[in-house]
Amino acid sequence: MTLEIHEATSSDSADLTEIFLAAFSDSFNRTMFPPTPDVRAWATENLFNGKNQESEHELYLKVTDTDFDETVAFAKWVRPFHAVVDRNRHPEEVREWPISSDKGLCELFFGTMDDHHHRLMDDRPHYYLEMLGVHPSHQGRGLASKLLKWGLARADKESVEVYLSSSPDGKPLYLKNGFQSLDSFSPFPGYEQLNMIRPAQH
C-alpha cells in the first residue's frame, strides 16, 4: 500500500464527504449529521466544495492509496494570518443547516467551538487544524499522524503555535504530539470536546 498526501480540490468533495460521515459516526455526530442524502449534499457543497477552498489561508489535504486510486483521509489546515478580533462581536450569523440535521445541536457545537477559538487564541498567529478525518477501514495506519505532522512541521519552521479542537478519540494522538489541554465543553451527553494548543517550537 502506497500512501501519498496531496492538496485536495473541489473534484474531491464527494469523496471527502464520505470520509467525513464514516469517520465521525458516534452517537453525537450521527445526531448532528445523519448520513442522509440531504446531509451528503450539504457537506459536499458547504464543507468541501471549491468556494470554501478559495481562501489563501485555508488548505485541504487528502491522503490517497495509490494502489487503488482511493482517497482515505483528509485534513483542513488554516495557515497563520493576522486578524483583529472584535471582542464585542455579535454571534455568528445563523448558518443554513441540512433539513435532517439537528440544527440546535449544530449551532451549539460550532458556535461554541468558534467562540472558544477566538477567546483562547485572540489574534496571535497560529496554525489551526480545523478538521481531520480517516476512513474507518484505514484507521490505525498512521494517516492521522501523517496529516497532523504536515502542519506541525510548517508551524515549527515559522515558530508559531498550533491550535485545534479535539474529539475524544483524537485526544491521545494530540497529547503524543506535544499538545496541551486548554479547556473543554460538552455539547452532548457523554461527549467532551477538548480545546488544545501546541506551543511554538523555537
N, C-alpha and C. Protein backbone atom coordinates (compact mmCIF):
# COMPACT_ATOMS: atom_id res chain seq x y z
N MET A 1 0.84 -1.19 0.00
CA MET A 1 0.00 0.00 0.00
C MET A 1 0.88 1.24 0.00
N THR A 2 0.67 2.11 -0.99
CA THR A 2 1.42 3.35 -1.09
C THR A 2 0.49 4.51 -0.78
N LEU A 3 0.86 5.30 0.21
CA LEU A 3 0.02 6.41 0.65
C LEU A 3 0.73 7.72 0.37
N GLU A 4 0.02 8.66 -0.22
CA GLU A 4 0.61 9.95 -0.58
C GLU A 4 -0.33 11.07 -0.15
N ILE A 5 0.26 12.19 0.30
CA ILE A 5 -0.51 13.38 0.64
C ILE A 5 -0.50 14.34 -0.56
N HIS A 6 -1.68 14.80 -0.91
CA HIS A 6 -1.83 15.78 -1.99
C HIS A 6 -2.80 16.86 -1.54
N GLU A 7 -2.75 18.00 -2.20
CA GLU A 7 -3.74 19.03 -1.96
C GLU A 7 -5.05 18.60 -2.60
N ALA A 8 -6.14 18.69 -1.85
CA ALA A 8 -7.46 18.33 -2.38
C ALA A 8 -8.04 19.50 -3.17
N THR A 9 -8.89 19.19 -4.13
CA THR A 9 -9.57 20.20 -4.93
C THR A 9 -11.08 19.95 -4.84
N SER A 10 -11.85 20.83 -5.48
CA SER A 10 -13.29 20.68 -5.44
C SER A 10 -13.76 19.37 -6.05
N SER A 11 -12.96 18.78 -6.92
CA SER A 11 -13.35 17.50 -7.53
C SER A 11 -13.31 16.35 -6.52
N ASP A 12 -12.68 16.59 -5.37
CA ASP A 12 -12.61 15.58 -4.31
C ASP A 12 -13.75 15.70 -3.31
N SER A 13 -14.65 16.65 -3.50
CA SER A 13 -15.65 16.98 -2.49
C SER A 13 -16.49 15.79 -2.07
N ALA A 14 -16.99 15.03 -3.02
CA ALA A 14 -17.85 13.89 -2.68
C ALA A 14 -17.08 12.84 -1.90
N ASP A 15 -15.84 12.57 -2.28
CA ASP A 15 -15.03 11.58 -1.56
C ASP A 15 -14.76 12.03 -0.12
N LEU A 16 -14.44 13.31 0.06
CA LEU A 16 -14.17 13.82 1.40
C LEU A 16 -15.42 13.78 2.28
N THR A 17 -16.57 14.03 1.67
CA THR A 17 -17.82 13.94 2.41
C THR A 17 -18.05 12.54 2.94
N GLU A 18 -17.79 11.53 2.11
CA GLU A 18 -17.99 10.15 2.54
C GLU A 18 -17.04 9.77 3.67
N ILE A 19 -15.80 10.26 3.61
CA ILE A 19 -14.85 10.00 4.70
C ILE A 19 -15.32 10.71 5.97
N PHE A 20 -15.77 11.94 5.83
CA PHE A 20 -16.27 12.72 6.96
C PHE A 20 -17.40 11.98 7.67
N LEU A 21 -18.38 11.49 6.92
CA LEU A 21 -19.53 10.82 7.51
C LEU A 21 -19.16 9.47 8.11
N ALA A 22 -18.19 8.79 7.50
CA ALA A 22 -17.77 7.50 8.02
C ALA A 22 -16.90 7.65 9.26
N ALA A 23 -16.04 8.66 9.27
CA ALA A 23 -15.10 8.85 10.38
C ALA A 23 -15.80 9.38 11.63
N PHE A 24 -16.78 10.26 11.45
CA PHE A 24 -17.50 10.86 12.57
C PHE A 24 -18.88 10.22 12.66
N SER A 25 -18.92 9.03 13.24
CA SER A 25 -20.15 8.23 13.22
C SER A 25 -20.62 7.81 14.60
N ASP A 26 -20.09 8.46 15.66
CA ASP A 26 -20.58 8.16 17.01
C ASP A 26 -21.98 8.77 17.18
N SER A 27 -22.61 8.52 18.32
CA SER A 27 -23.99 8.96 18.51
C SER A 27 -24.13 10.48 18.45
N PHE A 28 -23.13 11.19 18.94
CA PHE A 28 -23.16 12.66 18.88
C PHE A 28 -23.19 13.14 17.44
N ASN A 29 -22.23 12.66 16.64
CA ASN A 29 -22.15 13.12 15.25
C ASN A 29 -23.31 12.61 14.41
N ARG A 30 -23.80 11.41 14.68
CA ARG A 30 -24.94 10.89 13.95
C ARG A 30 -26.21 11.68 14.28
N THR A 31 -26.31 12.17 15.51
CA THR A 31 -27.45 13.02 15.86
C THR A 31 -27.35 14.34 15.13
N MET A 32 -26.16 14.91 15.09
CA MET A 32 -25.95 16.19 14.44
C MET A 32 -26.08 16.07 12.93
N PHE A 33 -25.40 15.08 12.36
CA PHE A 33 -25.39 14.89 10.91
C PHE A 33 -25.66 13.43 10.55
N PRO A 34 -26.91 13.02 10.45
CA PRO A 34 -27.19 11.65 10.00
C PRO A 34 -26.76 11.50 8.53
N PRO A 35 -26.38 10.30 8.10
CA PRO A 35 -25.87 10.11 6.73
C PRO A 35 -26.99 10.02 5.70
N THR A 36 -27.77 11.07 5.62
CA THR A 36 -28.90 11.14 4.70
C THR A 36 -28.48 11.86 3.41
N PRO A 37 -29.26 11.70 2.34
CA PRO A 37 -28.89 12.38 1.08
C PRO A 37 -28.75 13.89 1.21
N ASP A 38 -29.62 14.53 2.00
CA ASP A 38 -29.52 15.99 2.10
C ASP A 38 -28.29 16.41 2.89
N VAL A 39 -27.89 15.61 3.90
CA VAL A 39 -26.66 15.92 4.63
C VAL A 39 -25.45 15.74 3.73
N ARG A 40 -25.46 14.68 2.93
CA ARG A 40 -24.35 14.47 1.98
C ARG A 40 -24.24 15.64 1.01
N ALA A 41 -25.37 16.06 0.48
CA ALA A 41 -25.36 17.19 -0.47
C ALA A 41 -24.88 18.46 0.21
N TRP A 42 -25.33 18.69 1.45
CA TRP A 42 -24.93 19.89 2.18
C TRP A 42 -23.43 19.87 2.48
N ALA A 43 -22.91 18.74 2.95
CA ALA A 43 -21.49 18.65 3.29
C ALA A 43 -20.63 18.86 2.05
N THR A 44 -21.02 18.25 0.94
CA THR A 44 -20.27 18.41 -0.30
C THR A 44 -20.23 19.86 -0.73
N GLU A 45 -21.36 20.55 -0.57
CA GLU A 45 -21.46 21.94 -1.01
C GLU A 45 -20.82 22.92 -0.02
N ASN A 46 -21.01 22.68 1.28
CA ASN A 46 -20.61 23.68 2.27
C ASN A 46 -19.29 23.40 2.97
N LEU A 47 -18.86 22.16 3.03
CA LEU A 47 -17.61 21.84 3.72
C LEU A 47 -16.44 21.69 2.76
N PHE A 48 -16.70 21.11 1.60
CA PHE A 48 -15.58 20.69 0.76
C PHE A 48 -15.59 21.23 -0.67
N ASN A 49 -16.55 22.06 -1.02
CA ASN A 49 -16.57 22.47 -2.43
C ASN A 49 -15.59 23.60 -2.70
N GLY A 50 -15.50 23.99 -3.95
CA GLY A 50 -14.49 24.96 -4.38
C GLY A 50 -14.58 26.30 -3.70
N LYS A 51 -15.79 26.79 -3.42
CA LYS A 51 -15.92 28.14 -2.84
C LYS A 51 -15.28 28.20 -1.46
N ASN A 52 -15.21 27.05 -0.77
CA ASN A 52 -14.59 27.04 0.55
C ASN A 52 -13.11 26.71 0.48
N GLN A 53 -12.58 26.56 -0.73
CA GLN A 53 -11.16 26.29 -0.89
C GLN A 53 -10.45 27.46 -1.57
N GLU A 54 -11.13 28.58 -1.67
CA GLU A 54 -10.56 29.72 -2.37
C GLU A 54 -9.68 30.59 -1.48
N SER A 55 -9.84 30.49 -0.17
CA SER A 55 -9.05 31.34 0.72
C SER A 55 -7.58 30.95 0.65
N GLU A 56 -6.73 31.95 0.56
CA GLU A 56 -5.29 31.69 0.50
C GLU A 56 -4.78 31.13 1.83
N HIS A 57 -5.57 31.26 2.88
CA HIS A 57 -5.13 30.79 4.19
C HIS A 57 -5.57 29.36 4.48
N GLU A 58 -6.55 28.85 3.74
CA GLU A 58 -7.09 27.52 4.01
C GLU A 58 -6.55 26.51 3.02
N LEU A 59 -6.24 25.32 3.52
CA LEU A 59 -5.71 24.28 2.66
C LEU A 59 -6.32 22.94 3.04
N TYR A 60 -6.91 22.28 2.05
CA TYR A 60 -7.45 20.94 2.24
C TYR A 60 -6.43 19.93 1.72
N LEU A 61 -6.15 18.93 2.53
CA LEU A 61 -5.24 17.87 2.14
C LEU A 61 -5.99 16.55 2.08
N LYS A 62 -5.50 15.65 1.24
CA LYS A 62 -6.06 14.30 1.18
C LYS A 62 -4.92 13.30 1.17
N VAL A 63 -5.20 12.13 1.73
CA VAL A 63 -4.26 11.02 1.65
C VAL A 63 -4.85 10.02 0.66
N THR A 64 -4.07 9.65 -0.34
CA THR A 64 -4.52 8.73 -1.38
C THR A 64 -3.77 7.42 -1.29
N ASP A 65 -4.50 6.33 -1.36
CA ASP A 65 -3.91 5.00 -1.50
C ASP A 65 -3.74 4.78 -2.99
N THR A 66 -2.51 4.97 -3.46
CA THR A 66 -2.27 4.96 -4.90
C THR A 66 -2.43 3.58 -5.51
N ASP A 67 -2.37 2.54 -4.69
CA ASP A 67 -2.56 1.18 -5.23
C ASP A 67 -3.97 0.99 -5.76
N PHE A 68 -4.93 1.71 -5.13
CA PHE A 68 -6.33 1.57 -5.53
C PHE A 68 -6.92 2.88 -6.02
N ASP A 69 -6.08 3.93 -6.12
CA ASP A 69 -6.53 5.26 -6.52
C ASP A 69 -7.74 5.68 -5.68
N GLU A 70 -7.57 5.57 -4.36
CA GLU A 70 -8.67 5.81 -3.42
C GLU A 70 -8.24 6.83 -2.37
N THR A 71 -9.10 7.82 -2.11
CA THR A 71 -8.85 8.78 -1.05
C THR A 71 -9.34 8.20 0.26
N VAL A 72 -8.48 8.21 1.28
CA VAL A 72 -8.79 7.50 2.53
C VAL A 72 -8.74 8.40 3.77
N ALA A 73 -8.27 9.62 3.65
CA ALA A 73 -8.19 10.52 4.80
C ALA A 73 -8.10 11.96 4.29
N PHE A 74 -8.41 12.90 5.16
CA PHE A 74 -8.34 14.32 4.78
C PHE A 74 -8.06 15.17 6.00
N ALA A 75 -7.63 16.40 5.73
CA ALA A 75 -7.46 17.39 6.79
C ALA A 75 -7.68 18.77 6.20
N LYS A 76 -8.11 19.68 7.04
CA LYS A 76 -8.19 21.09 6.66
C LYS A 76 -7.31 21.88 7.61
N TRP A 77 -6.30 22.52 7.07
CA TRP A 77 -5.41 23.38 7.83
C TRP A 77 -5.67 24.84 7.48
N VAL A 78 -5.63 25.69 8.47
CA VAL A 78 -5.72 27.13 8.25
C VAL A 78 -4.37 27.73 8.64
N ARG A 79 -3.74 28.37 7.68
CA ARG A 79 -2.42 28.96 7.92
C ARG A 79 -2.53 30.23 8.75
N PRO A 80 -1.43 30.63 9.39
CA PRO A 80 -1.46 31.87 10.20
C PRO A 80 -1.75 33.10 9.34
N PHE A 81 -2.56 33.97 9.88
CA PHE A 81 -2.76 35.28 9.27
C PHE A 81 -3.21 36.22 10.36
N HIS A 82 -2.99 37.51 10.16
CA HIS A 82 -3.33 38.49 11.19
C HIS A 82 -4.79 38.89 11.03
N ALA A 83 -5.56 38.65 12.09
CA ALA A 83 -6.97 39.04 12.08
C ALA A 83 -7.29 39.67 13.43
N VAL A 84 -7.71 40.91 13.41
CA VAL A 84 -8.05 41.59 14.65
C VAL A 84 -9.38 41.03 15.16
N VAL A 85 -9.39 40.59 16.39
CA VAL A 85 -10.60 40.01 16.97
C VAL A 85 -11.49 41.12 17.53
N ASP A 86 -12.74 41.12 17.12
CA ASP A 86 -13.71 42.07 17.65
C ASP A 86 -14.28 41.48 18.94
N ARG A 87 -13.85 42.00 20.07
CA ARG A 87 -14.28 41.44 21.35
C ARG A 87 -15.76 41.72 21.65
N ASN A 88 -16.35 42.62 20.89
CA ASN A 88 -17.77 42.90 21.06
C ASN A 88 -18.59 42.34 19.91
N ARG A 89 -17.99 41.39 19.22
CA ARG A 89 -18.66 40.86 18.03
C ARG A 89 -19.97 40.18 18.40
N HIS A 90 -20.89 40.19 17.48
CA HIS A 90 -22.16 39.51 17.67
C HIS A 90 -21.96 38.04 17.32
N PRO A 91 -22.86 37.19 17.79
CA PRO A 91 -22.74 35.78 17.42
C PRO A 91 -22.72 35.59 15.91
N GLU A 92 -22.13 34.49 15.48
CA GLU A 92 -22.06 34.21 14.05
C GLU A 92 -23.46 34.23 13.44
N GLU A 93 -23.54 34.64 12.19
CA GLU A 93 -24.82 34.59 11.51
C GLU A 93 -25.31 33.14 11.49
N VAL A 94 -26.63 33.01 11.52
CA VAL A 94 -27.20 31.67 11.52
C VAL A 94 -26.84 30.97 10.22
N ARG A 95 -26.24 29.81 10.33
CA ARG A 95 -25.86 29.04 9.15
C ARG A 95 -27.07 28.28 8.62
N GLU A 96 -27.00 27.91 7.39
CA GLU A 96 -28.04 27.08 6.79
C GLU A 96 -27.63 25.62 6.97
N TRP A 97 -28.36 24.91 7.81
CA TRP A 97 -28.05 23.51 8.08
C TRP A 97 -28.96 22.61 7.25
N PRO A 98 -28.54 21.38 6.97
CA PRO A 98 -29.39 20.47 6.20
C PRO A 98 -30.67 20.14 6.96
N ILE A 99 -31.71 19.80 6.23
CA ILE A 99 -33.03 19.58 6.81
C ILE A 99 -33.02 18.49 7.88
N SER A 100 -32.31 17.40 7.62
CA SER A 100 -32.36 16.27 8.56
C SER A 100 -31.33 16.36 9.67
N SER A 101 -30.59 17.46 9.73
CA SER A 101 -29.63 17.64 10.82
C SER A 101 -30.35 18.10 12.08
N ASP A 102 -29.67 18.01 13.21
CA ASP A 102 -30.17 18.60 14.45
C ASP A 102 -29.63 20.03 14.49
N LYS A 103 -30.43 20.97 14.04
CA LYS A 103 -29.97 22.35 13.85
C LYS A 103 -29.53 23.00 15.16
N GLY A 104 -30.27 22.72 16.23
CA GLY A 104 -29.89 23.29 17.52
C GLY A 104 -28.55 22.79 18.00
N LEU A 105 -28.30 21.50 17.81
CA LEU A 105 -27.02 20.93 18.22
C LEU A 105 -25.89 21.45 17.34
N CYS A 106 -26.15 21.63 16.05
CA CYS A 106 -25.15 22.20 15.14
C CYS A 106 -24.76 23.60 15.59
N GLU A 107 -25.75 24.42 15.90
CA GLU A 107 -25.48 25.80 16.33
C GLU A 107 -24.70 25.81 17.64
N LEU A 108 -25.09 24.95 18.57
CA LEU A 108 -24.41 24.89 19.85
C LEU A 108 -22.97 24.46 19.68
N PHE A 109 -22.74 23.39 18.93
CA PHE A 109 -21.39 22.84 18.80
C PHE A 109 -20.46 23.79 18.04
N PHE A 110 -20.86 24.18 16.85
CA PHE A 110 -19.97 25.01 16.04
C PHE A 110 -19.85 26.42 16.59
N GLY A 111 -20.93 26.95 17.15
CA GLY A 111 -20.86 28.27 17.76
C GLY A 111 -19.93 28.30 18.95
N THR A 112 -20.04 27.28 19.82
CA THR A 112 -19.16 27.21 20.99
C THR A 112 -17.72 27.01 20.57
N MET A 113 -17.50 26.17 19.57
CA MET A 113 -16.14 25.92 19.10
C MET A 113 -15.52 27.21 18.54
N ASP A 114 -16.29 27.96 17.78
CA ASP A 114 -15.80 29.24 17.24
C ASP A 114 -15.48 30.22 18.36
N ASP A 115 -16.39 30.32 19.33
CA ASP A 115 -16.19 31.26 20.44
C ASP A 115 -14.93 30.92 21.24
N HIS A 116 -14.73 29.63 21.52
CA HIS A 116 -13.54 29.22 22.27
C HIS A 116 -12.27 29.52 21.49
N HIS A 117 -12.30 29.27 20.19
CA HIS A 117 -11.13 29.54 19.36
C HIS A 117 -10.75 31.02 19.42
N HIS A 118 -11.74 31.88 19.23
CA HIS A 118 -11.46 33.32 19.27
C HIS A 118 -10.97 33.76 20.65
N ARG A 119 -11.61 33.24 21.69
CA ARG A 119 -11.24 33.67 23.04
C ARG A 119 -9.86 33.17 23.44
N LEU A 120 -9.54 31.94 23.12
CA LEU A 120 -8.28 31.35 23.56
C LEU A 120 -7.08 31.82 22.76
N MET A 121 -7.27 32.07 21.48
CA MET A 121 -6.12 32.42 20.63
C MET A 121 -6.04 33.91 20.32
N ASP A 122 -7.13 34.64 20.54
CA ASP A 122 -7.13 36.08 20.28
C ASP A 122 -6.64 36.32 18.86
N ASP A 123 -5.69 37.24 18.66
CA ASP A 123 -5.19 37.48 17.30
C ASP A 123 -3.75 37.00 17.14
N ARG A 124 -3.33 36.05 18.00
CA ARG A 124 -1.97 35.53 17.88
C ARG A 124 -1.86 34.67 16.62
N PRO A 125 -0.77 34.81 15.85
CA PRO A 125 -0.62 33.97 14.66
C PRO A 125 -0.45 32.50 15.06
N HIS A 126 -1.16 31.63 14.38
CA HIS A 126 -1.09 30.20 14.69
C HIS A 126 -1.63 29.38 13.52
N TYR A 127 -1.20 28.14 13.45
CA TYR A 127 -1.81 27.18 12.55
C TYR A 127 -3.03 26.59 13.25
N TYR A 128 -4.08 26.35 12.49
CA TYR A 128 -5.33 25.81 13.05
C TYR A 128 -5.72 24.56 12.28
N LEU A 129 -5.74 23.44 12.97
CA LEU A 129 -6.21 22.20 12.37
C LEU A 129 -7.72 22.15 12.56
N GLU A 130 -8.45 22.53 11.55
CA GLU A 130 -9.90 22.66 11.68
C GLU A 130 -10.64 21.33 11.55
N MET A 131 -10.14 20.46 10.69
CA MET A 131 -10.77 19.15 10.50
C MET A 131 -9.71 18.11 10.18
N LEU A 132 -9.95 16.89 10.64
CA LEU A 132 -9.10 15.76 10.28
C LEU A 132 -9.95 14.50 10.39
N GLY A 133 -9.99 13.73 9.32
CA GLY A 133 -10.78 12.50 9.33
C GLY A 133 -10.10 11.39 8.57
N VAL A 134 -10.20 10.18 9.09
CA VAL A 134 -9.64 9.00 8.44
C VAL A 134 -10.77 7.98 8.29
N HIS A 135 -10.89 7.40 7.11
CA HIS A 135 -11.93 6.39 6.91
C HIS A 135 -11.68 5.22 7.85
N PRO A 136 -12.72 4.69 8.48
CA PRO A 136 -12.54 3.59 9.43
C PRO A 136 -11.76 2.40 8.89
N SER A 137 -11.87 2.13 7.61
CA SER A 137 -11.15 0.99 7.02
C SER A 137 -9.64 1.21 6.98
N HIS A 138 -9.20 2.45 7.21
CA HIS A 138 -7.77 2.76 7.16
C HIS A 138 -7.25 3.36 8.48
N GLN A 139 -8.07 3.32 9.51
CA GLN A 139 -7.61 3.83 10.80
C GLN A 139 -6.58 2.88 11.40
N GLY A 140 -5.70 3.44 12.23
CA GLY A 140 -4.65 2.64 12.85
C GLY A 140 -3.43 2.46 11.99
N ARG A 141 -3.34 3.18 10.87
CA ARG A 141 -2.21 3.05 9.95
C ARG A 141 -1.35 4.31 9.90
N GLY A 142 -1.56 5.20 10.85
CA GLY A 142 -0.71 6.39 10.94
C GLY A 142 -1.10 7.54 10.03
N LEU A 143 -2.29 7.48 9.42
CA LEU A 143 -2.67 8.53 8.48
C LEU A 143 -2.98 9.85 9.19
N ALA A 144 -3.65 9.77 10.34
CA ALA A 144 -3.93 11.00 11.09
C ALA A 144 -2.63 11.66 11.52
N SER A 145 -1.68 10.85 11.96
CA SER A 145 -0.38 11.39 12.36
C SER A 145 0.33 12.04 11.17
N LYS A 146 0.20 11.43 10.02
CA LYS A 146 0.83 11.96 8.80
C LYS A 146 0.26 13.34 8.45
N LEU A 147 -1.06 13.48 8.52
CA LEU A 147 -1.69 14.76 8.21
C LEU A 147 -1.41 15.80 9.29
N LEU A 148 -1.35 15.36 10.54
CA LEU A 148 -1.03 16.26 11.64
C LEU A 148 0.38 16.81 11.49
N LYS A 149 1.33 15.93 11.24
CA LYS A 149 2.73 16.34 11.18
C LYS A 149 3.02 17.24 9.98
N TRP A 150 2.19 17.16 8.96
CA TRP A 150 2.34 18.08 7.82
C TRP A 150 2.27 19.53 8.33
N GLY A 151 1.26 19.80 9.17
CA GLY A 151 1.11 21.16 9.68
C GLY A 151 2.10 21.49 10.78
N LEU A 152 2.42 20.51 11.63
CA LEU A 152 3.36 20.77 12.71
C LEU A 152 4.73 21.17 12.16
N ALA A 153 5.14 20.53 11.09
CA ALA A 153 6.44 20.84 10.50
C ALA A 153 6.48 22.29 10.02
N ARG A 154 5.40 22.76 9.44
CA ARG A 154 5.34 24.13 8.95
C ARG A 154 5.24 25.13 10.09
N ALA A 155 4.49 24.77 11.12
CA ALA A 155 4.40 25.64 12.29
C ALA A 155 5.75 25.78 12.98
N ASP A 156 6.48 24.66 13.07
CA ASP A 156 7.80 24.71 13.70
C ASP A 156 8.76 25.57 12.89
N LYS A 157 8.67 25.48 11.59
CA LYS A 157 9.54 26.28 10.73
C LYS A 157 9.28 27.77 10.91
N GLU A 158 8.02 28.12 11.18
CA GLU A 158 7.64 29.51 11.37
C GLU A 158 7.61 29.93 12.83
N SER A 159 7.87 28.97 13.73
CA SER A 159 7.88 29.22 15.18
C SER A 159 6.57 29.82 15.67
N VAL A 160 5.46 29.18 15.30
CA VAL A 160 4.15 29.64 15.77
C VAL A 160 3.41 28.49 16.45
N GLU A 161 2.39 28.84 17.20
CA GLU A 161 1.58 27.86 17.91
C GLU A 161 0.67 27.10 16.94
N VAL A 162 0.14 25.98 17.42
CA VAL A 162 -0.86 25.22 16.67
C VAL A 162 -2.05 25.01 17.59
N TYR A 163 -3.23 25.27 17.07
CA TYR A 163 -4.46 25.13 17.85
C TYR A 163 -5.39 24.15 17.17
N LEU A 164 -6.17 23.42 17.98
CA LEU A 164 -7.20 22.53 17.44
C LEU A 164 -8.24 22.27 18.51
N SER A 165 -9.38 21.76 18.08
CA SER A 165 -10.44 21.34 18.99
C SER A 165 -10.67 19.86 18.73
N SER A 166 -10.38 19.04 19.73
CA SER A 166 -10.30 17.59 19.53
C SER A 166 -11.55 16.85 19.99
N SER A 167 -11.91 15.84 19.21
CA SER A 167 -12.90 14.87 19.65
C SER A 167 -12.27 13.98 20.72
N PRO A 168 -13.07 13.24 21.49
CA PRO A 168 -12.47 12.34 22.48
C PRO A 168 -11.50 11.34 21.86
N ASP A 169 -11.81 10.84 20.67
CA ASP A 169 -10.95 9.85 20.03
C ASP A 169 -9.60 10.43 19.61
N GLY A 170 -9.57 11.72 19.28
CA GLY A 170 -8.33 12.33 18.81
C GLY A 170 -7.36 12.72 19.90
N LYS A 171 -7.83 12.81 21.12
CA LYS A 171 -7.01 13.32 22.23
C LYS A 171 -5.67 12.61 22.39
N PRO A 172 -5.60 11.26 22.39
CA PRO A 172 -4.30 10.59 22.58
C PRO A 172 -3.26 10.97 21.53
N LEU A 173 -3.69 11.08 20.28
CA LEU A 173 -2.74 11.46 19.22
C LEU A 173 -2.17 12.84 19.48
N TYR A 174 -3.02 13.78 19.86
CA TYR A 174 -2.55 15.15 20.04
C TYR A 174 -1.67 15.30 21.28
N LEU A 175 -2.01 14.61 22.34
CA LEU A 175 -1.15 14.63 23.52
C LEU A 175 0.23 14.06 23.18
N LYS A 176 0.25 13.00 22.40
CA LYS A 176 1.50 12.36 22.00
C LYS A 176 2.38 13.31 21.19
N ASN A 177 1.75 14.26 20.50
CA ASN A 177 2.50 15.18 19.64
C ASN A 177 2.68 16.56 20.25
N GLY A 178 2.63 16.64 21.58
CA GLY A 178 3.02 17.86 22.27
C GLY A 178 1.93 18.86 22.53
N PHE A 179 0.66 18.49 22.30
CA PHE A 179 -0.43 19.42 22.58
C PHE A 179 -0.77 19.42 24.07
N GLN A 180 -1.25 20.56 24.53
CA GLN A 180 -1.67 20.72 25.91
C GLN A 180 -3.15 21.10 25.94
N SER A 181 -3.86 20.60 26.94
CA SER A 181 -5.28 20.90 27.08
C SER A 181 -5.47 22.32 27.60
N LEU A 182 -6.41 23.05 26.99
CA LEU A 182 -6.74 24.40 27.45
C LEU A 182 -8.04 24.39 28.24
N ASP A 183 -9.09 23.94 27.62
CA ASP A 183 -10.36 23.77 28.29
C ASP A 183 -11.22 22.84 27.44
N SER A 184 -12.45 22.61 27.85
CA SER A 184 -13.31 21.69 27.14
C SER A 184 -14.76 22.14 27.27
N PHE A 185 -15.63 21.54 26.47
CA PHE A 185 -17.06 21.76 26.60
C PHE A 185 -17.79 20.49 26.17
N SER A 186 -18.99 20.34 26.69
CA SER A 186 -19.77 19.13 26.43
C SER A 186 -21.08 19.50 25.75
N PRO A 187 -21.16 19.36 24.42
CA PRO A 187 -22.38 19.74 23.70
C PRO A 187 -23.44 18.65 23.68
N PHE A 188 -23.08 17.45 24.20
CA PHE A 188 -23.94 16.28 24.06
C PHE A 188 -23.64 15.33 25.21
N PRO A 189 -24.62 14.67 25.78
CA PRO A 189 -24.36 13.77 26.91
C PRO A 189 -23.29 12.72 26.60
N GLY A 190 -22.29 12.64 27.48
CA GLY A 190 -21.24 11.66 27.31
C GLY A 190 -20.17 12.02 26.30
N TYR A 191 -20.23 13.25 25.75
CA TYR A 191 -19.26 13.68 24.74
C TYR A 191 -18.57 14.94 25.21
N GLU A 192 -17.23 14.94 25.19
CA GLU A 192 -16.46 16.12 25.60
C GLU A 192 -15.53 16.54 24.48
N GLN A 193 -15.64 17.78 24.05
CA GLN A 193 -14.76 18.35 23.04
C GLN A 193 -13.64 19.10 23.76
N LEU A 194 -12.40 18.82 23.37
CA LEU A 194 -11.25 19.35 24.09
C LEU A 194 -10.47 20.34 23.23
N ASN A 195 -10.30 21.57 23.71
CA ASN A 195 -9.51 22.58 23.01
C ASN A 195 -8.06 22.46 23.43
N MET A 196 -7.16 22.41 22.44
CA MET A 196 -5.76 22.10 22.73
C MET A 196 -4.82 23.02 21.96
N ILE A 197 -3.64 23.22 22.52
CA ILE A 197 -2.63 24.06 21.88
C ILE A 197 -1.28 23.37 21.95
N ARG A 198 -0.51 23.54 20.92
CA ARG A 198 0.88 23.10 20.91
C ARG A 198 1.74 24.36 20.88
N PRO A 199 2.55 24.58 21.93
CA PRO A 199 3.36 25.80 21.98
C PRO A 199 4.30 25.92 20.78
N ALA A 200 4.67 27.14 20.48
CA ALA A 200 5.62 27.37 19.40
C ALA A 200 6.95 26.71 19.73
N GLN A 201 7.54 26.11 18.73
CA GLN A 201 8.83 25.45 18.89
C GLN A 201 9.93 26.38 18.37
N HIS A 202 10.85 26.76 19.21
CA HIS A 202 11.91 27.70 18.82
C HIS A 202 13.25 26.98 18.68
